[in-house]
C-alpha atoms as a PDB file:
ATOM      1  CA  MET A   1    -141.459 -71.429  40.155  1.00  0.00           C
ATOM      2  CA  SER A   2    -143.347 -73.804  38.352  1.00  0.00           C
ATOM      3  CA  ASN A   3    -142.472 -76.694  35.752  1.00  0.00           C
ATOM      4  CA  ARG A   4    -144.004 -76.188  31.951  1.00  0.00           C
ATOM      5  CA  LEU A   5    -144.018 -79.097  29.511  1.00  0.00           C
ATOM      6  CA  ILE A   6    -143.932 -78.207  26.191  1.00  0.00           C
ATOM      7  CA  ASP A   7    -143.932 -81.150  22.992  1.00  0.00           C
ATOM      8  CA  LEU A   8    -141.272 -80.525  20.605  1.00  0.00           C
ATOM      9  CA  SER A   9    -141.998 -83.412  18.263  1.00  0.00           C
ATOM     10  CA  HIS A  10    -143.784 -83.658  15.052  1.00  0.00           C
ATOM     11  CA  THR A  11    -147.007 -86.038  15.004  1.00  0.00           C
ATOM     12  CA  VAL A  12    -146.402 -89.040  12.837  1.00  0.00           C
ATOM     13  CA  GLU A  13    -149.236 -89.949  10.797  1.00  0.00           C
ATOM     14  CA  HIS A  14    -149.994 -92.487   7.988  1.00  0.00           C
ATOM     15  CA  GLY A  15    -148.909 -91.434   4.659  1.00  0.00           C
ATOM     16  CA  MET A  16    -146.337 -88.151   5.807  1.00  0.00           C
ATOM     17  CA  ILE A  17    -143.098 -87.760   4.147  1.00  0.00           C
ATOM     18  CA  THR A  18    -140.219 -86.949   6.531  1.00  0.00           C
ATOM     19  CA  TYR A  19    -137.188 -87.216   4.560  1.00  0.00           C
ATOM     20  CA  LYS A  20    -136.948 -87.017   0.635  1.00  0.00           C
ATOM     21  CA  GLY A  21    -136.818 -90.505  -0.872  1.00  0.00           C
ATOM     22  CA  LEU A  22    -137.851 -92.392   2.054  1.00  0.00           C
ATOM     23  CA  PRO A  23    -141.327 -94.172   2.179  1.00  0.00           C
ATOM     24  CA  ALA A  24    -143.844 -92.906   4.791  1.00  0.00           C
ATOM     25  CA  PRO A  25    -144.979 -94.501   7.057  1.00  0.00           C
ATOM     26  CA  VAL A  26    -148.328 -96.697   6.739  1.00  0.00           C
ATOM     27  CA  ILE A  27    -150.132 -96.524   9.823  1.00  0.00           C
ATOM     28  CA  CYS A  28    -153.543 -99.075   9.887  1.00  0.00           C
ATOM     29  CA  ASP A  29    -155.922-101.816  12.264  1.00  0.00           C
ATOM     30  CA  TYR A  30    -154.032-105.177  12.503  1.00  0.00           C
ATOM     31  CA  LEU A  31    -157.008-105.862  14.908  1.00  0.00           C
ATOM     32  CA  SER A  32    -160.179-103.827  14.054  1.00  0.00           C
ATOM     33  CA  ARG A  33    -162.671-102.682  17.567  1.00  0.00           C
ATOM     34  CA  GLU A  34    -165.023-104.481  15.275  1.00  0.00           C
ATOM     35  CA  ALA A  35    -163.520-107.745  14.644  1.00  0.00           C
ATOM     36  CA  SER A  36    -162.587-107.926  18.287  1.00  0.00           C
ATOM     37  CA  ARG A  37    -165.671-108.331  19.713  1.00  0.00           C
ATOM     38  CA  PRO A  38    -166.439-111.681  19.033  1.00  0.00           C
ATOM     39  CA  SER A  39    -163.340-112.545  21.418  1.00  0.00           C
ATOM     40  CA  TYR A  40    -165.169-110.285  24.296  1.00  0.00           C
ATOM     41  CA  ALA A  41    -168.097-109.720  26.339  1.00  0.00           C
ATOM     42  CA  ASP A  42    -170.898-107.658  25.001  1.00  0.00           C
ATOM     43  CA  GLY A  43    -169.879-104.101  25.063  1.00  0.00           C
ATOM     44  CA  THR A  44    -165.891-104.985  25.100  1.00  0.00           C
ATOM     45  CA  GLU A  45    -163.741-104.031  22.575  1.00  0.00           C
ATOM     46  CA  PHE A  46    -160.370-103.235  21.738  1.00  0.00           C
ATOM     47  CA  GLN A  47    -158.155-102.325  18.813  1.00  0.00           C
ATOM     48  CA  ILE A  48    -154.583-102.834  18.080  1.00  0.00           C
ATOM     49  CA  GLY A  49    -152.517-101.167  15.915  1.00  0.00           C
ATOM     50  CA  LYS A  50    -149.987-101.782  12.976  1.00  0.00           C
ATOM     51  CA  ILE A  51    -147.129 -99.803  11.772  1.00  0.00           C
ATOM     52  CA  GLU A  52    -144.750 -99.806   9.133  1.00  0.00           C
ATOM     53  CA  MET A  53    -141.688 -97.299   8.646  1.00  0.00           C
ATOM     54  CA  VAL A  54    -138.631 -96.355   8.172  1.00  0.00           C
ATOM     55  CA  ALA A  55    -136.411 -95.560  11.700  1.00  0.00           C
ATOM     56  CA  ASN A  56    -136.258 -91.689  10.186  1.00  0.00           C
ATOM     57  CA  THR A  57    -139.875 -91.066  10.622  1.00  0.00           C
ATOM     58  CA  GLY A  58    -140.786 -87.762  12.359  1.00  0.00           C
ATOM     59  CA  THR A  59    -138.963 -86.305  15.190  1.00  0.00           C
ATOM     60  CA  TYR A  60    -136.076 -89.123  15.676  1.00  0.00           C
ATOM     61  CA  ILE A  61    -132.688 -89.709  17.614  1.00  0.00           C
ATOM     62  CA  ASP A  62    -129.538 -90.699  15.908  1.00  0.00           C
ATOM     63  CA  SER A  63    -127.095 -93.073  17.832  1.00  0.00           C
ATOM     64  CA  PRO A  64    -123.767 -93.855  16.745  1.00  0.00           C
ATOM     65  CA  PHE A  65    -124.855 -96.915  14.948  1.00  0.00           C
ATOM     66  CA  HIS A  66    -126.291 -95.211  12.423  1.00  0.00           C
ATOM     67  CA  ARG A  67    -123.274 -94.140  11.138  1.00  0.00           C
ATOM     68  CA  TYR A  68    -120.699 -96.530  12.403  1.00  0.00           C
ATOM     69  CA  ALA A  69    -121.380-100.569  12.779  1.00  0.00           C
ATOM     70  CA  ASP A  70    -119.169-101.063  16.017  1.00  0.00           C
ATOM     71  CA  GLY A  71    -121.292 -97.997  17.012  1.00  0.00           C
ATOM     72  CA  ASN A  72    -123.639 -98.061  20.287  1.00  0.00           C
ATOM     73  CA  ASP A  73    -127.700 -98.957  19.238  1.00  0.00           C
ATOM     74  CA  LEU A  74    -130.334 -97.711  20.440  1.00  0.00           C
ATOM     75  CA  SER A  75    -130.652-100.638  23.207  1.00  0.00           C
ATOM     76  CA  LYS A  76    -127.055 -99.212  24.465  1.00  0.00           C
ATOM     77  CA  LEU A  77    -127.730 -95.541  24.703  1.00  0.00           C
ATOM     78  CA  ARG A  78    -127.419 -94.579  28.203  1.00  0.00           C
ATOM     79  CA  LEU A  79    -130.699 -92.383  29.642  1.00  0.00           C
ATOM     80  CA  GLU A  80    -128.366 -90.112  30.926  1.00  0.00           C
ATOM     81  CA  GLN A  81    -127.380 -89.045  27.326  1.00  0.00           C
ATOM     82  CA  LEU A  82    -130.684 -88.600  26.301  1.00  0.00           C
ATOM     83  CA  ALA A  83    -132.959 -87.869  29.547  1.00  0.00           C
ATOM     84  CA  ASP A  84    -133.406 -84.724  32.114  1.00  0.00           C
ATOM     85  CA  LEU A  85    -130.606 -82.979  30.219  1.00  0.00           C
ATOM     86  CA  GLU A  86    -129.692 -79.122  31.199  1.00  0.00           C
ATOM     87  CA  ALA A  87    -130.383 -77.492  28.003  1.00  0.00           C
ATOM     88  CA  VAL A  88    -128.473 -74.802  25.771  1.00  0.00           C
ATOM     89  CA  ILE A  89    -130.662 -73.140  23.483  1.00  0.00           C
ATOM     90  CA  VAL A  90    -128.744 -71.748  20.321  1.00  0.00           C
ATOM     91  CA  ARG A  91    -130.734 -68.913  18.444  1.00  0.00           C
ATOM     92  CA  ALA A  92    -129.839 -69.154  15.046  1.00  0.00           C
ATOM     93  CA  VAL A  93    -132.834 -68.259  13.133  1.00  0.00           C
ATOM     94  CA  ASN A  94    -131.446 -64.666  11.957  1.00  0.00           C
ATOM     95  CA  PHE A  95    -128.223 -65.649  11.305  1.00  0.00           C
ATOM     96  CA  PRO A  96    -126.953 -64.999   7.540  1.00  0.00           C
ATOM     97  CA  GLY A  97    -126.697 -67.957   5.408  1.00  0.00           C
ATOM     98  CA  ARG A  98    -127.701 -71.220   5.080  1.00  0.00           C
ATOM     99  CA  ALA A  99    -124.638 -72.868   7.052  1.00  0.00           C
ATOM    100  CA  LEU A 100    -123.789 -72.310  11.436  1.00  0.00           C
ATOM    101  CA  ASP A 101    -120.602 -72.257  11.845  1.00  0.00           C
ATOM    102  CA  TYR A 102    -118.425 -72.076  14.885  1.00  0.00           C
ATOM    103  CA  ASP A 103    -119.491 -68.824  15.643  1.00  0.00           C
ATOM    104  CA  ALA A 104    -123.061 -69.964  16.082  1.00  0.00           C
ATOM    105  CA  PHE A 105    -121.352 -71.549  19.359  1.00  0.00           C
ATOM    106  CA  LYS A 106    -118.379 -69.846  20.281  1.00  0.00           C
ATOM    107  CA  GLY A 107    -118.722 -69.044  24.102  1.00  0.00           C
ATOM    108  CA  LEU A 108    -121.336 -71.550  24.851  1.00  0.00           C
ATOM    109  CA  ASN A 109    -120.374 -73.983  27.968  1.00  0.00           C
ATOM    110  CA  VAL A 110    -122.218 -77.135  26.417  1.00  0.00           C
ATOM    111  CA  LYS A 111    -120.372 -79.663  28.675  1.00  0.00           C
ATOM    112  CA  GLY A 112    -123.188 -82.470  29.687  1.00  0.00           C
ATOM    113  CA  LYS A 113    -125.850 -80.237  27.951  1.00  0.00           C
ATOM    114  CA  ALA A 114    -128.615 -80.927  25.386  1.00  0.00           C
ATOM    115  CA  VAL A 115    -127.830 -78.276  22.765  1.00  0.00           C
ATOM    116  CA  LEU A 116    -130.949 -77.436  20.507  1.00  0.00           C
ATOM    117  CA  VAL A 117    -130.681 -75.143  17.745  1.00  0.00           C
ATOM    118  CA  HIS A 118    -133.624 -73.570  16.845  1.00  0.00           C
ATOM    119  CA  THR A 119    -133.353 -72.277  13.389  1.00  0.00           C
ATOM    120  CA  ASP A 120    -137.521 -72.071  12.618  1.00  0.00           C
ATOM    121  CA  TRP A 121    -137.217 -74.359   9.642  1.00  0.00           C
ATOM    122  CA  SER A 122    -140.099 -76.634  11.237  1.00  0.00           C
ATOM    123  CA  ARG A 123    -142.425 -73.760   9.906  1.00  0.00           C
ATOM    124  CA  HIS A 124    -141.755 -75.682   6.843  1.00  0.00           C
ATOM    125  CA  TRP A 125    -142.654 -78.910   7.651  1.00  0.00           C
ATOM    126  CA  ARG A 126    -145.564 -81.224   5.207  1.00  0.00           C
ATOM    127  CA  THR A 127    -144.440 -78.797   2.687  1.00  0.00           C
ATOM    128  CA  ASP A 128    -141.848 -79.073  -0.341  1.00  0.00           C
ATOM    129  CA  GLN A 129    -140.062 -76.524   1.023  1.00  0.00           C
ATOM    130  CA  TYR A 130    -139.331 -78.214   3.838  1.00  0.00           C
ATOM    131  CA  PHE A 131    -136.984 -80.409   1.794  1.00  0.00           C
ATOM    132  CA  GLU A 132    -135.047 -77.442  -0.009  1.00  0.00           C
ATOM    133  CA  GLY A 133    -132.252 -75.388   1.446  1.00  0.00           C
ATOM    134  CA  HIS A 134    -132.669 -75.756   5.154  1.00  0.00           C
ATOM    135  CA  ARG A 135    -130.337 -74.660   7.223  1.00  0.00           C
ATOM    136  CA  TYR A 136    -127.046 -77.040   8.714  1.00  0.00           C
ATOM    137  CA  LEU A 137    -124.145 -77.227  11.022  1.00  0.00           C
ATOM    138  CA  THR A 138    -120.727 -77.294   9.573  1.00  0.00           C
ATOM    139  CA  ALA A 139    -117.972 -79.328  10.293  1.00  0.00           C
ATOM    140  CA  ASP A 140    -116.125 -77.124  12.272  1.00  0.00           C
ATOM    141  CA  ALA A 141    -119.336 -76.416  14.581  1.00  0.00           C
ATOM    142  CA  ALA A 142    -119.729 -79.974  15.107  1.00  0.00           C
ATOM    143  CA  LYS A 143    -115.735 -80.292  15.963  1.00  0.00           C
ATOM    144  CA  PHE A 144    -116.655 -77.318  18.437  1.00  0.00           C
ATOM    145  CA  LEU A 145    -119.785 -79.483  19.660  1.00  0.00           C
ATOM    146  CA  ALA A 146    -117.783 -82.816  20.410  1.00  0.00           C
ATOM    147  CA  ASP A 147    -114.458 -81.133  21.779  1.00  0.00           C
ATOM    148  CA  SER A 148    -116.839 -79.071  24.177  1.00  0.00           C
ATOM    149  CA  GLY A 149    -118.396 -82.408  25.493  1.00  0.00           C
ATOM    150  CA  ALA A 150    -122.060 -81.658  24.528  1.00  0.00           C
ATOM    151  CA  ALA A 151    -124.216 -84.322  25.707  1.00  0.00           C
ATOM    152  CA  LEU A 152    -127.113 -84.302  22.796  1.00  0.00           C
ATOM    153  CA  VAL A 153    -127.231 -81.801  19.493  1.00  0.00           C
ATOM    154  CA  GLY A 154    -130.688 -81.234  18.451  1.00  0.00           C
ATOM    155  CA  ILE A 155    -132.260 -79.319  15.359  1.00  0.00           C
ATOM    156  CA  ASP A 156    -135.831 -78.239  14.121  1.00  0.00           C
ATOM    157  CA  SER A 157    -134.160 -78.503  10.380  1.00  0.00           C
ATOM    158  CA  TYR A 158    -134.357 -81.111   7.928  1.00  0.00           C
ATOM    159  CA  ASN A 159    -130.975 -82.551   8.491  1.00  0.00           C
ATOM    160  CA  ILE A 160    -128.719 -81.444  10.783  1.00  0.00           C
ATOM    161  CA  ASP A 161    -125.861 -81.764   7.572  1.00  0.00           C
ATOM    162  CA  GLU A 162    -125.819 -79.896   4.458  1.00  0.00           C
ATOM    163  CA  VAL A 163    -127.314 -82.937   1.884  1.00  0.00           C
ATOM    164  CA  GLY A 164    -126.016 -81.563  -1.348  1.00  0.00           C
ATOM    165  CA  TYR A 165    -122.770 -83.266  -0.566  1.00  0.00           C
ATOM    166  CA  ASN A 166    -122.474 -86.970  -0.316  1.00  0.00           C
ATOM    167  CA  SER A 167    -120.137 -86.480   3.134  1.00  0.00           C
ATOM    168  CA  ARG A 168    -121.643 -85.890   6.467  1.00  0.00           C
ATOM    169  CA  PRO A 169    -119.131 -84.630   8.459  1.00  0.00           C
ATOM    170  CA  VAL A 170    -121.529 -83.532  11.684  1.00  0.00           C
ATOM    171  CA  HIS A 171    -123.522 -87.038  11.578  1.00  0.00           C
ATOM    172  CA  SER A 172    -119.637 -88.675  11.373  1.00  0.00           C
ATOM    173  CA  THR A 173    -118.080 -86.110  14.013  1.00  0.00           C
ATOM    174  CA  LEU A 174    -120.821 -86.229  16.784  1.00  0.00           C
ATOM    175  CA  LEU A 175    -121.822 -89.412  16.550  1.00  0.00           C
ATOM    176  CA  GLY A 176    -118.269 -90.627  16.768  1.00  0.00           C
ATOM    177  CA  ALA A 177    -117.980 -89.147  19.950  1.00  0.00           C
ATOM    178  CA  ASP A 178    -120.833 -90.926  21.138  1.00  0.00           C
ATOM    179  CA  ILE A 179    -123.257 -87.822  20.993  1.00  0.00           C
ATOM    180  CA  PRO A 180    -127.328 -88.600  19.786  1.00  0.00           C
ATOM    181  CA  ILE A 181    -128.452 -86.101  17.357  1.00  0.00           C
ATOM    182  CA  CYS A 182    -132.241 -85.042  17.716  1.00  0.00           C
ATOM    183  CA  GLU A 183    -133.457 -83.937  14.178  1.00  0.00           C
ATOM    184  CA  HIS A 184    -137.002 -82.967  12.685  1.00  0.00           C
ATOM    185  CA  MET A 185    -137.885 -81.430  15.693  1.00  0.00           C
ATOM    186  CA  ARG A 186    -140.420 -78.639  16.657  1.00  0.00           C
ATOM    187  CA  GLY A 187    -141.357 -76.218  18.829  1.00  0.00           C
ATOM    188  CA  LEU A 188    -137.996 -74.595  19.744  1.00  0.00           C
ATOM    189  CA  ASP A 189    -139.453 -71.260  19.802  1.00  0.00           C
ATOM    190  CA  GLY A 190    -141.420 -71.789  22.904  1.00  0.00           C
ATOM    191  CA  LEU A 191    -138.509 -72.492  24.621  1.00  0.00           C
ATOM    192  CA  PRO A 192    -137.208 -70.088  27.441  1.00  0.00           C
ATOM    193  CA  ASP A 193    -133.451 -69.259  27.085  1.00  0.00           C
ATOM    194  CA  ARG A 194    -132.747 -70.855  30.545  1.00  0.00           C
ATOM    195  CA  GLY A 195    -134.333 -73.088  32.747  1.00  0.00           C
ATOM    196  CA  VAL A 196    -134.738 -75.779  30.564  1.00  0.00           C
ATOM    197  CA  ARG A 197    -134.469 -79.759  30.707  1.00  0.00           C
ATOM    198  CA  PHE A 198    -135.117 -81.766  27.713  1.00  0.00           C
ATOM    199  CA  PHE A 199    -135.898 -85.600  27.304  1.00  0.00           C
ATOM    200  CA  ALA A 200    -135.843 -87.475  24.132  1.00  0.00           C
ATOM    201  CA  VAL A 201    -135.831 -91.122  24.966  1.00  0.00           C
ATOM    202  CA  PRO A 202    -136.456 -94.081  21.652  1.00  0.00           C
ATOM    203  CA  VAL A 203    -137.480 -97.076  22.093  1.00  0.00           C
ATOM    204  CA  LYS A 204    -134.940 -99.938  23.424  1.00  0.00           C
ATOM    205  CA  VAL A 205    -134.340-101.762  19.882  1.00  0.00           C
ATOM    206  CA  ALA A 206    -131.135-103.387  19.460  1.00  0.00           C
ATOM    207  CA  GLY A 207    -129.397-103.800  15.916  1.00  0.00           C
ATOM    208  CA  PHE A 208    -131.200-100.310  15.203  1.00  0.00           C
ATOM    209  CA  GLY A 209    -129.176 -96.441  14.883  1.00  0.00           C
ATOM    210  CA  THR A 210    -132.166 -94.251  14.404  1.00  0.00           C
ATOM    211  CA  PHE A 211    -136.007 -94.274  15.911  1.00  0.00           C
ATOM    212  CA  PRO A 212    -138.928 -91.685  16.583  1.00  0.00           C
ATOM    213  CA  VAL A 213    -138.771 -90.146  20.202  1.00  0.00           C
ATOM    214  CA  ARG A 214    -141.032 -87.642  21.856  1.00  0.00           C
ATOM    215  CA  ALA A 215    -138.801 -85.153  22.928  1.00  0.00           C
ATOM    216  CA  PHE A 216    -140.169 -82.117  25.175  1.00  0.00           C
ATOM    217  CA  ALA A 217    -138.443 -80.146  27.392  1.00  0.00           C
ATOM    218  CA  ILE A 218    -139.588 -79.376  31.222  1.00  0.00           C
ATOM    219  CA  ALA A 219    -139.208 -75.351  31.310  1.00  0.00           C
ATOM    220  CA  GLN A 220    -138.878 -73.665  34.869  1.00  0.00           C
ATOM    221  CA  GLU A 221    -140.970 -70.312  35.482  1.00  0.00           C
END
């Protein structure tokens, strides 16, 4: 058997909008190559980049601190919650309606696994459609995943919750159970249904609840 690496992350680019109402990242030089040249020998130059962004940018991980003041922040997440997780792929592309209820997950063994929900909504990334009418999980689905011991839940959609209401039951339930959430994924259509290991490790930042990740999978073929 051979292993294939599959990128599941969007590229963070200057000016892109991830979440409607939040500012786009500003990406620029802190030190340009031209400005660095006087400090080094002839032919030697460096660039130091600068980025200003909100934590919810691109493909990112939510930790419990995102929802709960006393929850674990990014620095307290264990690598075992984020890396080398056996994945369960939930194909939700053809499910009727927008809401993915308990029926989408019943019968699945999710204990200790990353549950990756493939809705195909990522095809709308960087378009106005991305912000309207996305698929999401219901409160009952979140309760099932939490009660069943899922290690992480990811989705290739605008939000794991319905954003038309002020309540966020899926975030509340999963993060309340210390289950990280990975949102705004892509490329789930390229994953095989079995033999997938998942990784989504953020920078180890104290006092932050959310941060971008380079989410990827290893598929055994």
